[in-house]
Amino acid sequence: MSLLRVDLYQSASDPEKFLAVPAGVDPGELMGPMIFDKEYAHVVRYHEAFEFDPAQTYAGANAAKIAADILTVKWATFSRTPSVSS
């Protein structure tokens, strides 16, 4: 799968939750994320036009699932997993 250009938004109420949408899409026009989790009702831009690689690992998030969600429903939600050090 090739790189996807996405805009990333962070939940204003939970900084560990993120919303990814195709670059240029206004998250305010999406109802889906808010239906599943109210913490996506208010988001702030985290990164614009990020070149997302579904084959990479991003803070423990399932990149392949995020890419599949973006390609099918035009948005994906995910949580950042803190790294564990020993």
PDB file of N, CA and C in Angstrom:
ATOM      1  N   MET A   1       0.854  -1.177   0.000  1.00  0.00           N
ATOM      2  CA  MET A   1       0.000   0.000   0.000  1.00  0.00           C
ATOM      3  C   MET A   1       0.896   1.236   0.000  1.00  0.00           C
ATOM      4  N   SER A   2       0.494   2.244  -0.719  1.00  0.00           N
ATOM      5  CA  SER A   2       1.296   3.457  -0.822  1.00  0.00           C
ATOM      6  C   SER A   2       1.003   4.414   0.329  1.00  0.00           C
ATOM      7  N   LEU A   3       1.799   5.466   0.394  1.00  0.00           N
ATOM      8  CA  LEU A   3       1.625   6.466   1.439  1.00  0.00           C
ATOM      9  C   LEU A   3       0.287   7.181   1.276  1.00  0.00           C
ATOM     10  N   LEU A   4      -0.314   7.533   2.391  1.00  0.00           N
ATOM     11  CA  LEU A   4      -1.547   8.317   2.413  1.00  0.00           C
ATOM     12  C   LEU A   4      -1.229   9.673   3.023  1.00  0.00           C
ATOM     13  N   ARG A   5      -1.772  10.729   2.467  1.00  0.00           N
ATOM     14  CA  ARG A   5      -1.620  12.060   3.068  1.00  0.00           C
ATOM     15  C   ARG A   5      -2.850  12.289   3.946  1.00  0.00           C
ATOM     16  N   VAL A   6      -2.606  12.419   5.238  1.00  0.00           N
ATOM     17  CA  VAL A   6      -3.710  12.580   6.181  1.00  0.00           C
ATOM     18  C   VAL A   6      -3.467  13.781   7.081  1.00  0.00           C
ATOM     19  N   ASP A   7      -4.562  14.339   7.560  1.00  0.00           N
ATOM     20  CA  ASP A   7      -4.502  15.356   8.604  1.00  0.00           C
ATOM     21  C   ASP A   7      -4.819  14.642   9.909  1.00  0.00           C
ATOM     22  N   LEU A   8      -4.019  14.896  10.921  1.00  0.00           N
ATOM     23  CA  LEU A   8      -4.213  14.273  12.230  1.00  0.00           C
ATOM     24  C   LEU A   8      -4.743  15.309  13.208  1.00  0.00           C
ATOM     25  N   TYR A   9      -5.737  14.888  13.980  1.00  0.00           N
ATOM     26  CA  TYR A   9      -6.335  15.739  15.002  1.00  0.00           C
ATOM     27  C   TYR A   9      -6.279  15.004  16.335  1.00  0.00           C
ATOM     28  N   GLN A  10      -6.147  15.787  17.390  1.00  0.00           N
ATOM     29  CA  GLN A  10      -6.061  15.240  18.745  1.00  0.00           C
ATOM     30  C   GLN A  10      -7.312  15.653  19.510  1.00  0.00           C
ATOM     31  N   SER A  11      -7.844  14.717  20.288  1.00  0.00           N
ATOM     32  CA  SER A  11      -9.006  15.020  21.112  1.00  0.00           C
ATOM     33  C   SER A  11      -8.643  16.123  22.108  1.00  0.00           C
ATOM     34  N   ALA A  12      -9.513  17.115  22.229  1.00  0.00           N
ATOM     35  CA  ALA A  12      -9.269  18.197  23.179  1.00  0.00           C
ATOM     36  C   ALA A  12      -9.443  17.730  24.619  1.00  0.00           C
ATOM     37  N   SER A  13     -10.194  16.647  24.828  1.00  0.00           N
ATOM     38  CA  SER A  13     -10.437  16.173  26.191  1.00  0.00           C
ATOM     39  C   SER A  13      -9.564  14.991  26.591  1.00  0.00           C
ATOM     40  N   ASP A  14      -8.965  14.298  25.628  1.00  0.00           N
ATOM     41  CA  ASP A  14      -8.070  13.179  25.929  1.00  0.00           C
ATOM     42  C   ASP A  14      -6.900  13.212  24.959  1.00  0.00           C
ATOM     43  N   PRO A  15      -5.743  13.714  25.388  1.00  0.00           N
ATOM     44  CA  PRO A  15      -4.609  13.887  24.485  1.00  0.00           C
ATOM     45  C   PRO A  15      -4.011  12.587  23.939  1.00  0.00           C
ATOM     46  N   GLU A  16      -4.494  11.448  24.393  1.00  0.00           N
ATOM     47  CA  GLU A  16      -4.013  10.165  23.877  1.00  0.00           C
ATOM     48  C   GLU A  16      -4.865   9.660  22.713  1.00  0.00           C
ATOM     49  N   LYS A  17      -5.968  10.352  22.404  1.00  0.00           N
ATOM     50  CA  LYS A  17      -6.874   9.926  21.330  1.00  0.00           C
ATOM     51  C   LYS A  17      -6.704  10.825  20.112  1.00  0.00           C
ATOM     52  N   PHE A  18      -6.668  10.174  18.937  1.00  0.00           N
ATOM     53  CA  PHE A  18      -6.438  10.888  17.688  1.00  0.00           C
ATOM     54  C   PHE A  18      -7.467  10.513  16.634  1.00  0.00           C
ATOM     55  N   LEU A  19      -7.656  11.430  15.703  1.00  0.00           N
ATOM     56  CA  LEU A  19      -8.528  11.241  14.555  1.00  0.00           C
ATOM     57  C   LEU A  19      -7.685  11.496  13.314  1.00  0.00           C
ATOM     58  N   ALA A  20      -7.732  10.586  12.361  1.00  0.00           N
ATOM     59  CA  ALA A  20      -7.031  10.755  11.090  1.00  0.00           C
ATOM     60  C   ALA A  20      -8.071  10.841   9.983  1.00  0.00           C
ATOM     61  N   VAL A  21      -7.898  11.828   9.106  1.00  0.00           N
ATOM     62  CA  VAL A  21      -8.794  12.014   7.963  1.00  0.00           C
ATOM     63  C   VAL A  21      -7.934  12.300   6.735  1.00  0.00           C
ATOM     64  N   PRO A  22      -8.457  12.057   5.528  1.00  0.00           N
ATOM     65  CA  PRO A  22      -7.690  12.427   4.337  1.00  0.00           C
ATOM     66  C   PRO A  22      -7.344  13.912   4.384  1.00  0.00           C
ATOM     67  N   ALA A  23      -6.159  14.276   3.917  1.00  0.00           N
ATOM     68  CA  ALA A  23      -5.729  15.675   3.930  1.00  0.00           C
ATOM     69  C   ALA A  23      -6.787  16.561   3.283  1.00  0.00           C
ATOM     70  N   GLY A  24      -7.110  17.661   3.961  1.00  0.00           N
ATOM     71  CA  GLY A  24      -8.072  18.621   3.443  1.00  0.00           C
ATOM     72  C   GLY A  24      -9.506  18.415   3.885  1.00  0.00           C
ATOM     73  N   VAL A  25      -9.806  17.290   4.511  1.00  0.00           N
ATOM     74  CA  VAL A  25     -11.170  17.025   4.979  1.00  0.00           C
ATOM     75  C   VAL A  25     -11.389  17.766   6.302  1.00  0.00           C
ATOM     76  N   ASP A  26     -12.524  18.434   6.429  1.00  0.00           N
ATOM     77  CA  ASP A  26     -12.879  19.146   7.658  1.00  0.00           C
ATOM     78  C   ASP A  26     -13.497  18.155   8.642  1.00  0.00           C
ATOM     79  N   PRO A  27     -12.840  17.890   9.782  1.00  0.00           N
ATOM     80  CA  PRO A  27     -13.390  16.920  10.725  1.00  0.00           C
ATOM     81  C   PRO A  27     -14.724  17.359  11.319  1.00  0.00           C
ATOM     82  N   GLY A  28     -15.027  18.651  11.273  1.00  0.00           N
ATOM     83  CA  GLY A  28     -16.300  19.151  11.770  1.00  0.00           C
ATOM     84  C   GLY A  28     -17.485  18.673  10.954  1.00  0.00           C
ATOM     85  N   GLU A  29     -17.223  18.223   9.726  1.00  0.00           N
ATOM     86  CA  GLU A  29     -18.295  17.730   8.868  1.00  0.00           C
ATOM     87  C   GLU A  29     -18.561  16.237   9.068  1.00  0.00           C
ATOM     88  N   LEU A  30     -17.755  15.586   9.878  1.00  0.00           N
ATOM     89  CA  LEU A  30     -17.900  14.148  10.116  1.00  0.00           C
ATOM     90  C   LEU A  30     -18.705  13.894  11.382  1.00  0.00           C
ATOM     91  N   MET A  31     -19.681  13.026  11.304  1.00  0.00           N
ATOM     92  CA  MET A  31     -20.464  12.677  12.481  1.00  0.00           C
ATOM     93  C   MET A  31     -19.998  11.346  13.083  1.00  0.00           C
ATOM     94  N   GLY A  32     -19.477  10.457  12.258  1.00  0.00           N
ATOM     95  CA  GLY A  32     -19.105   9.111  12.692  1.00  0.00           C
ATOM     96  C   GLY A  32     -18.235   9.048  13.929  1.00  0.00           C
ATOM     97  N   PRO A  33     -17.105   9.763  13.954  1.00  0.00           N
ATOM     98  CA  PRO A  33     -16.228   9.637  15.128  1.00  0.00           C
ATOM     99  C   PRO A  33     -16.927  10.021  16.432  1.00  0.00           C
ATOM    100  N   MET A  34     -17.778  11.050  16.383  1.00  0.00           N
ATOM    101  CA  MET A  34     -18.451  11.514  17.594  1.00  0.00           C
ATOM    102  C   MET A  34     -19.529  10.553  18.057  1.00  0.00           C
ATOM    103  N   ILE A  35     -20.107   9.808  17.119  1.00  0.00           N
ATOM    104  CA  ILE A  35     -21.128   8.828  17.488  1.00  0.00           C
ATOM    105  C   ILE A  35     -20.507   7.698  18.300  1.00  0.00           C
ATOM    106  N   PHE A  36     -19.316   7.288  17.922  1.00  0.00           N
ATOM    107  CA  PHE A  36     -18.654   6.177  18.600  1.00  0.00           C
ATOM    108  C   PHE A  36     -17.958   6.590  19.886  1.00  0.00           C
ATOM    109  N   ASP A  37     -17.510   7.840  19.963  1.00  0.00           N
ATOM    110  CA  ASP A  37     -16.792   8.297  21.157  1.00  0.00           C
ATOM    111  C   ASP A  37     -16.933   9.815  21.257  1.00  0.00           C
ATOM    112  N   LYS A  38     -17.612  10.290  22.286  1.00  0.00           N
ATOM    113  CA  LYS A  38     -17.875  11.724  22.471  1.00  0.00           C
ATOM    114  C   LYS A  38     -16.602  12.552  22.614  1.00  0.00           C
ATOM    115  N   GLU A  39     -15.484  11.903  22.940  1.00  0.00           N
ATOM    116  CA  GLU A  39     -14.236  12.657  23.103  1.00  0.00           C
ATOM    117  C   GLU A  39     -13.682  13.168  21.777  1.00  0.00           C
ATOM    118  N   TYR A  40     -14.286  12.775  20.671  1.00  0.00           N
ATOM    119  CA  TYR A  40     -13.884  13.297  19.363  1.00  0.00           C
ATOM    120  C   TYR A  40     -14.770  14.462  18.929  1.00  0.00           C
ATOM    121  N   ALA A  41     -15.662  14.918  19.806  1.00  0.00           N
ATOM    122  CA  ALA A  41     -16.537  16.041  19.479  1.00  0.00           C
ATOM    123  C   ALA A  41     -15.735  17.332  19.303  1.00  0.00           C
ATOM    124  N   HIS A  42     -14.657  17.477  20.048  1.00  0.00           N
ATOM    125  CA  HIS A  42     -13.792  18.657  19.955  1.00  0.00           C
ATOM    126  C   HIS A  42     -12.369  18.172  19.743  1.00  0.00           C
ATOM    127  N   VAL A  43     -11.828  18.512  18.583  1.00  0.00           N
ATOM    128  CA  VAL A  43     -10.467  18.103  18.242  1.00  0.00           C
ATOM    129  C   VAL A  43      -9.655  19.326  17.842  1.00  0.00           C
ATOM    130  N   VAL A  44      -8.349  19.220  17.990  1.00  0.00           N
ATOM    131  CA  VAL A  44      -7.423  20.267  17.563  1.00  0.00           C
ATOM    132  C   VAL A  44      -6.431  19.652  16.583  1.00  0.00           C
ATOM    133  N   ARG A  45      -6.021  20.441  15.610  1.00  0.00           N
ATOM    134  CA  ARG A  45      -5.086  19.926  14.606  1.00  0.00           C
ATOM    135  C   ARG A  45      -3.767  19.552  15.275  1.00  0.00           C
ATOM    136  N   TYR A  46      -3.320  18.370  14.973  1.00  0.00           N
ATOM    137  CA  TYR A  46      -2.068  17.844  15.504  1.00  0.00           C
ATOM    138  C   TYR A  46      -0.978  17.868  14.428  1.00  0.00           C
ATOM    139  N   HIS A  47      -1.317  17.467  13.201  1.00  0.00           N
ATOM    140  CA  HIS A  47      -0.343  17.441  12.109  1.00  0.00           C
ATOM    141  C   HIS A  47      -1.102  17.521  10.786  1.00  0.00           C
ATOM    142  N   GLU A  48      -0.684  18.438   9.922  1.00  0.00           N
ATOM    143  CA  GLU A  48      -1.351  18.621   8.640  1.00  0.00           C
ATOM    144  C   GLU A  48      -0.578  17.918   7.525  1.00  0.00           C
ATOM    145  N   ALA A  49      -1.305  17.242   6.624  1.00  0.00           N
ATOM    146  CA  ALA A  49      -0.744  16.580   5.440  1.00  0.00           C
ATOM    147  C   ALA A  49       0.396  15.626   5.793  1.00  0.00           C
ATOM    148  N   PHE A  50       0.193  14.849   6.833  1.00  0.00           N
ATOM    149  CA  PHE A  50       1.173  13.854   7.266  1.00  0.00           C
ATOM    150  C   PHE A  50       1.222  12.725   6.244  1.00  0.00           C
ATOM    151  N   GLU A  51       2.408  12.310   5.855  1.00  0.00           N
ATOM    152  CA  GLU A  51       2.557  11.196   4.918  1.00  0.00           C
ATOM    153  C   GLU A  51       2.550   9.898   5.723  1.00  0.00           C
ATOM    154  N   PHE A  52       1.398   9.302   5.777  1.00  0.00           N
ATOM    155  CA  PHE A  52       1.137   8.125   6.603  1.00  0.00           C
ATOM    156  C   PHE A  52       1.499   6.864   5.827  1.00  0.00           C
ATOM    157  N   ASP A  53       2.339   6.033   6.417  1.00  0.00           N
ATOM    158  CA  ASP A  53       2.764   4.785   5.791  1.00  0.00           C
ATOM    159  C   ASP A  53       2.115   3.627   6.542  1.00  0.00           C
ATOM    160  N   PRO A  54       1.163   2.926   5.924  1.00  0.00           N
ATOM    161  CA  PRO A  54       0.467   1.824   6.592  1.00  0.00           C
ATOM    162  C   PRO A  54       1.381   0.689   7.037  1.00  0.00           C
ATOM    163  N   ALA A  55       2.594   0.627   6.510  1.00  0.00           N
ATOM    164  CA  ALA A  55       3.530  -0.437   6.878  1.00  0.00           C
ATOM    165  C   ALA A  55       4.361  -0.082   8.111  1.00  0.00           C
ATOM    166  N   GLN A  56       4.294   1.142   8.577  1.00  0.00           N
ATOM    167  CA  GLN A  56       5.068   1.583   9.733  1.00  0.00           C
ATOM    168  C   GLN A  56       4.300   1.368  11.034  1.00  0.00           C
ATOM    169  N   THR A  57       5.009   1.489  12.146  1.00  0.00           N
ATOM    170  CA  THR A  57       4.393   1.454  13.465  1.00  0.00           C
ATOM    171  C   THR A  57       4.405   2.867  14.029  1.00  0.00           C
ATOM    172  N   TYR A  58       3.263   3.316  14.508  1.00  0.00           N
ATOM    173  CA  TYR A  58       3.130   4.653  15.075  1.00  0.00           C
ATOM    174  C   TYR A  58       2.615   4.541  16.501  1.00  0.00           C
ATOM    175  N   ALA A  59       3.521   4.619  17.458  1.00  0.00           N
ATOM    176  CA  ALA A  59       3.179   4.599  18.886  1.00  0.00           C
ATOM    177  C   ALA A  59       2.198   3.479  19.227  1.00  0.00           C
ATOM    178  N   GLY A  60       2.413   2.321  18.651  1.00  0.00           N
ATOM    179  CA  GLY A  60       1.589   1.167  18.972  1.00  0.00           C
ATOM    180  C   GLY A  60       0.257   1.097  18.259  1.00  0.00           C
ATOM    181  N   ALA A  61      -0.062   2.094  17.420  1.00  0.00           N
ATOM    182  CA  ALA A  61      -1.329   2.092  16.695  1.00  0.00           C
ATOM    183  C   ALA A  61      -1.266   1.090  15.546  1.00  0.00           C
ATOM    184  N   ASN A  62      -2.391   0.509  15.197  1.00  0.00           N
ATOM    185  CA  ASN A  62      -2.486  -0.443  14.104  1.00  0.00           C
ATOM    186  C   ASN A  62      -2.594   0.327  12.789  1.00  0.00           C
ATOM    187  N   ALA A  63      -1.450   0.592  12.159  1.00  0.00           N
ATOM    188  CA  ALA A  63      -1.387   1.432  10.967  1.00  0.00           C
ATOM    189  C   ALA A  63      -2.194   0.856   9.809  1.00  0.00           C
ATOM    190  N   ALA A  64      -2.181  -0.455   9.634  1.00  0.00           N
ATOM    191  CA  ALA A  64      -2.937  -1.067   8.533  1.00  0.00           C
ATOM    192  C   ALA A  64      -4.432  -0.843   8.725  1.00  0.00           C
ATOM    193  N   LYS A  65      -4.924  -0.955   9.953  1.00  0.00           N
ATOM    194  CA  LYS A  65      -6.350  -0.729  10.221  1.00  0.00           C
ATOM    195  C   LYS A  65      -6.707   0.747  10.014  1.00  0.00           C
ATOM    196  N   ILE A  66      -5.836   1.640  10.452  1.00  0.00           N
ATOM    197  CA  ILE A  66      -6.083   3.068  10.260  1.00  0.00           C
ATOM    198  C   ILE A  66      -6.207   3.371   8.768  1.00  0.00           C
ATOM    199  N   ALA A  67      -5.276   2.837   7.960  1.00  0.00           N
ATOM    200  CA  ALA A  67      -5.317   3.059   6.515  1.00  0.00           C
ATOM    201  C   ALA A  67      -6.593   2.482   5.911  1.00  0.00           C
ATOM    202  N   ALA A  68      -6.964   1.281   6.317  1.00  0.00           N
ATOM    203  CA  ALA A  68      -8.183   0.653   5.788  1.00  0.00           C
ATOM    204  C   ALA A  68      -9.412   1.483   6.141  1.00  0.00           C
ATOM    205  N   ASP A  69      -9.486   1.987   7.373  1.00  0.00           N
ATOM    206  CA  ASP A  69     -10.626   2.825   7.785  1.00  0.00           C
ATOM    207  C   ASP A  69     -10.687   4.113   6.965  1.00  0.00           C
ATOM    208  N   ILE A  70      -9.538   4.755   6.766  1.00  0.00           N
ATOM    209  CA  ILE A  70      -9.510   6.002   5.995  1.00  0.00           C
ATOM    210  C   ILE A  70      -9.968   5.748   4.565  1.00  0.00           C
ATOM    211  N   LEU A  71      -9.529   4.649   3.990  1.00  0.00           N
ATOM    212  CA  LEU A  71      -9.901   4.348   2.606  1.00  0.00           C
ATOM    213  C   LEU A  71     -11.365   3.933   2.453  1.00  0.00           C
ATOM    214  N   THR A  72     -11.963   3.375   3.507  1.00  0.00           N
ATOM    215  CA  THR A  72     -13.352   2.919   3.388  1.00  0.00           C
ATOM    216  C   THR A  72     -14.365   3.920   3.931  1.00  0.00           C
ATOM    217  N   VAL A  73     -14.150   4.435   5.141  1.00  0.00           N
ATOM    218  CA  VAL A  73     -15.141   5.346   5.730  1.00  0.00           C
ATOM    219  C   VAL A  73     -14.655   6.797   5.820  1.00  0.00           C
ATOM    220  N   LYS A  74     -13.440   7.052   5.339  1.00  0.00           N
ATOM    221  CA  LYS A  74     -12.854   8.403   5.261  1.00  0.00           C
ATOM    222  C   LYS A  74     -12.426   8.995   6.599  1.00  0.00           C
ATOM    223  N   TRP A  75     -12.320   8.171   7.635  1.00  0.00           N
ATOM    224  CA  TRP A  75     -11.784   8.630   8.911  1.00  0.00           C
ATOM    225  C   TRP A  75     -11.360   7.420   9.728  1.00  0.00           C
ATOM    226  N   ALA A  76     -10.464   7.665  10.693  1.00  0.00           N
ATOM    227  CA  ALA A  76     -10.028   6.602  11.596  1.00  0.00           C
ATOM    228  C   ALA A  76      -9.727   7.219  12.949  1.00  0.00           C
ATOM    229  N   THR A  77     -10.087   6.519  13.989  1.00  0.00           N
ATOM    230  CA  THR A  77      -9.747   6.948  15.339  1.00  0.00           C
ATOM    231  C   THR A  77      -8.763   5.939  15.914  1.00  0.00           C
ATOM    232  N   PHE A  78      -7.874   6.435  16.757  1.00  0.00           N
ATOM    233  CA  PHE A  78      -6.910   5.552  17.400  1.00  0.00           C
ATOM    234  C   PHE A  78      -6.362   6.228  18.643  1.00  0.00           C
ATOM    235  N   SER A  79      -5.782   5.418  19.505  1.00  0.00           N
ATOM    236  CA  SER A  79      -5.168   5.931  20.726  1.00  0.00           C
ATOM    237  C   SER A  79      -3.676   5.684  20.683  1.00  0.00           C
ATOM    238  N   ARG A  80      -2.946   6.634  21.213  1.00  0.00           N
ATOM    239  CA  ARG A  80      -1.489   6.494  21.306  1.00  0.00           C
ATOM    240  C   ARG A  80      -1.203   5.575  22.486  1.00  0.00           C
ATOM    241  N   THR A  81      -0.340   4.602  22.260  1.00  0.00           N
ATOM    242  CA  THR A  81       0.055   3.681  23.316  1.00  0.00           C
ATOM    243  C   THR A  81       1.415   4.118  23.842  1.00  0.00           C
ATOM    244  N   PRO A  82       1.511   4.409  25.138  1.00  0.00           N
ATOM    245  CA  PRO A  82       2.810   4.819  25.669  1.00  0.00           C
ATOM    246  C   PRO A  82       3.828   3.690  25.527  1.00  0.00           C
ATOM    247  N   SER A  83       5.062   4.067  25.209  1.00  0.00           N
ATOM    248  CA  SER A  83       6.113   3.055  25.082  1.00  0.00           C
ATOM    249  C   SER A  83       6.528   2.588  26.466  1.00  0.00           C
ATOM    250  N   VAL A  84       6.886   1.336  26.547  1.00  0.00           N
ATOM    251  CA  VAL A  84       7.308   0.745  27.816  1.00  0.00           C
ATOM    252  C   VAL A  84       8.808   0.554  27.761  1.00  0.00           C
ATOM    253  N   SER A  85       9.499   1.086  28.748  1.00  0.00           N
ATOM    254  CA  SER A  85      10.951   0.905  28.795  1.00  0.00           C
ATOM    255  C   SER A  85      11.304   0.018  29.979  1.00  0.00           C
ATOM    256  N   SER A  86      12.367  -0.740  29.812  1.00  0.00           N
ATOM    257  CA  SER A  86      12.766  -1.620  30.903  1.00  0.00           C
ATOM    258  C   SER A  86      14.118  -1.265  31.440  1.00  0.00           C
TER     259      SER A  86
END
